[in-house]
């Protein structure tokens, strides 16, 4: 068939789920090496803390992104989502 005539690289791994993260990381030039990440956990104050961190980083000239129960943002743009964290 015509699909068998185009050579496609194949990487066989024992567990594709475990291979996906490191492969994606390498393919996209390890994006976490270029990002500052902060996780906020606890019972109360997560949204307030996240917004304070976001505000400080933006005041310093950084482009920020947040994900939380009240929504997700990248810079000044709100992103719709239908799941909570």
C-alpha atoms as a PDB file:
ATOM      1  CA  UNK A   1       0.000   0.000   0.000  1.00  0.00           C
ATOM      2  CA  UNK A   2       1.032   3.641  -0.356  1.00  0.00           C
ATOM      3  CA  UNK A   3       1.529   4.005   3.401  1.00  0.00           C
ATOM      4  CA  UNK A   4       4.326   1.428   3.429  1.00  0.00           C
ATOM      5  CA  UNK A   5       6.443   3.349   0.903  1.00  0.00           C
ATOM      6  CA  UNK A   6       7.233   6.330   3.144  1.00  0.00           C
ATOM      7  CA  UNK A   7      10.030   5.643   5.626  1.00  0.00           C
ATOM      8  CA  UNK A   8       9.064   6.677   9.145  1.00  0.00           C
ATOM      9  CA  UNK A   9      11.411   6.586  12.131  1.00  0.00           C
ATOM     10  CA  UNK A  10      10.332   4.095  14.764  1.00  0.00           C
ATOM     11  CA  UNK A  11      11.540   3.845  18.337  1.00  0.00           C
ATOM     12  CA  UNK A  12      10.549   0.626  20.084  1.00  0.00           C
ATOM     13  CA  UNK A  13      10.412   0.879  23.873  1.00  0.00           C
ATOM     14  CA  UNK A  14       9.153  -1.524  26.545  1.00  0.00           C
ATOM     15  CA  UNK A  15       6.760   1.056  28.024  1.00  0.00           C
ATOM     16  CA  UNK A  16       5.616   3.970  25.844  1.00  0.00           C
ATOM     17  CA  UNK A  17       4.047   5.768  28.806  1.00  0.00           C
ATOM     18  CA  UNK A  18       7.383   5.901  30.651  1.00  0.00           C
ATOM     19  CA  UNK A  19       9.277   6.840  27.488  1.00  0.00           C
ATOM     20  CA  UNK A  20       7.029   9.735  26.463  1.00  0.00           C
ATOM     21  CA  UNK A  21       8.129  12.305  29.066  1.00  0.00           C
ATOM     22  CA  UNK A  22      11.908  12.043  28.546  1.00  0.00           C
ATOM     23  CA  UNK A  23      11.479  11.800  24.773  1.00  0.00           C
ATOM     24  CA  UNK A  24       9.250  14.902  24.701  1.00  0.00           C
ATOM     25  CA  UNK A  25      11.653  16.742  26.972  1.00  0.00           C
ATOM     26  CA  UNK A  26      14.561  16.015  24.628  1.00  0.00           C
ATOM     27  CA  UNK A  27      12.544  16.831  21.497  1.00  0.00           C
ATOM     28  CA  UNK A  28      11.502  20.250  22.858  1.00  0.00           C
ATOM     29  CA  UNK A  29      15.014  21.098  24.150  1.00  0.00           C
ATOM     30  CA  UNK A  30      14.241  20.530  27.833  1.00  0.00           C
ATOM     31  CA  UNK A  31      11.814  23.445  28.347  1.00  0.00           C
ATOM     32  CA  UNK A  32      12.042  23.222  32.130  1.00  0.00           C
ATOM     33  CA  UNK A  33      15.674  24.315  31.870  1.00  0.00           C
ATOM     34  CA  UNK A  34      14.336  27.660  30.637  1.00  0.00           C
ATOM     35  CA  UNK A  35      11.454  28.059  33.099  1.00  0.00           C
ATOM     36  CA  UNK A  36      11.053  28.943  36.736  1.00  0.00           C
ATOM     37  CA  UNK A  37       8.336  26.792  38.270  1.00  0.00           C
ATOM     38  CA  UNK A  38       6.490  27.171  41.564  1.00  0.00           C
ATOM     39  CA  UNK A  39       3.904  24.830  43.009  1.00  0.00           C
ATOM     40  CA  UNK A  40       1.568  25.945  45.779  1.00  0.00           C
ATOM     41  CA  UNK A  41      -0.143  23.378  48.000  1.00  0.00           C
ATOM     42  CA  UNK A  42      -2.127  23.482  51.198  1.00  0.00           C
ATOM     43  CA  UNK A  43      -5.638  23.919  52.501  1.00  0.00           C
ATOM     44  CA  UNK A  44      -6.123  27.681  52.281  1.00  0.00           C
ATOM     45  CA  UNK A  45      -4.550  30.575  50.400  1.00  0.00           C
ATOM     46  CA  UNK A  46      -3.337  28.839  47.235  1.00  0.00           C
ATOM     47  CA  UNK A  47      -5.034  31.256  44.823  1.00  0.00           C
ATOM     48  CA  UNK A  48      -3.881  34.309  46.780  1.00  0.00           C
ATOM     49  CA  UNK A  49      -0.318  33.004  46.972  1.00  0.00           C
ATOM     50  CA  UNK A  50      -0.276  32.112  43.277  1.00  0.00           C
ATOM     51  CA  UNK A  51      -1.560  35.536  42.295  1.00  0.00           C
ATOM     52  CA  UNK A  52       1.031  37.230  44.505  1.00  0.00           C
ATOM     53  CA  UNK A  53       3.862  35.199  42.928  1.00  0.00           C
ATOM     54  CA  UNK A  54       2.459  35.987  39.471  1.00  0.00           C
ATOM     55  CA  UNK A  55       2.243  39.708  40.267  1.00  0.00           C
ATOM     56  CA  UNK A  56       5.813  39.852  41.581  1.00  0.00           C
ATOM     57  CA  UNK A  57       7.201  37.983  38.568  1.00  0.00           C
ATOM     58  CA  UNK A  58       5.292  40.187  36.121  1.00  0.00           C
ATOM     59  CA  UNK A  59       6.492  43.330  37.911  1.00  0.00           C
ATOM     60  CA  UNK A  60      10.033  42.015  37.396  1.00  0.00           C
ATOM     61  CA  UNK A  61       9.329  41.794  33.648  1.00  0.00           C
ATOM     62  CA  UNK A  62       8.735  38.049  33.375  1.00  0.00           C
ATOM     63  CA  UNK A  63       6.027  36.467  31.238  1.00  0.00           C
ATOM     64  CA  UNK A  64       3.968  34.247  33.505  1.00  0.00           C
ATOM     65  CA  UNK A  65       1.455  31.457  33.303  1.00  0.00           C
ATOM     66  CA  UNK A  66      -0.799  30.102  36.026  1.00  0.00           C
ATOM     67  CA  UNK A  67      -3.128  27.140  36.407  1.00  0.00           C
ATOM     68  CA  UNK A  68      -5.592  26.882  39.261  1.00  0.00           C
ATOM     69  CA  UNK A  69      -9.147  26.165  40.274  1.00  0.00           C
ATOM     70  CA  UNK A  70     -10.303  29.608  39.124  1.00  0.00           C
ATOM     71  CA  UNK A  71      -8.736  29.303  35.684  1.00  0.00           C
ATOM     72  CA  UNK A  72      -5.538  29.409  33.690  1.00  0.00           C
ATOM     73  CA  UNK A  73      -3.608  32.381  32.307  1.00  0.00           C
ATOM     74  CA  UNK A  74      -0.641  33.102  30.084  1.00  0.00           C
ATOM     75  CA  UNK A  75       0.569  36.699  30.404  1.00  0.00           C
ATOM     76  CA  UNK A  76      -2.632  38.798  30.309  1.00  0.00           C
ATOM     77  CA  UNK A  77      -4.702  36.176  28.494  1.00  0.00           C
ATOM     78  CA  UNK A  78      -7.234  34.017  30.333  1.00  0.00           C
ATOM     79  CA  UNK A  79      -7.462  30.478  28.965  1.00  0.00           C
ATOM     80  CA  UNK A  80     -10.661  28.478  29.208  1.00  0.00           C
ATOM     81  CA  UNK A  81     -10.561  25.056  30.805  1.00  0.00           C
ATOM     82  CA  UNK A  82     -13.145  22.699  32.191  1.00  0.00           C
ATOM     83  CA  UNK A  83     -11.124  20.839  34.797  1.00  0.00           C
ATOM     84  CA  UNK A  84      -9.993  21.814  38.244  1.00  0.00           C
ATOM     85  CA  UNK A  85      -6.500  21.164  39.455  1.00  0.00           C
END
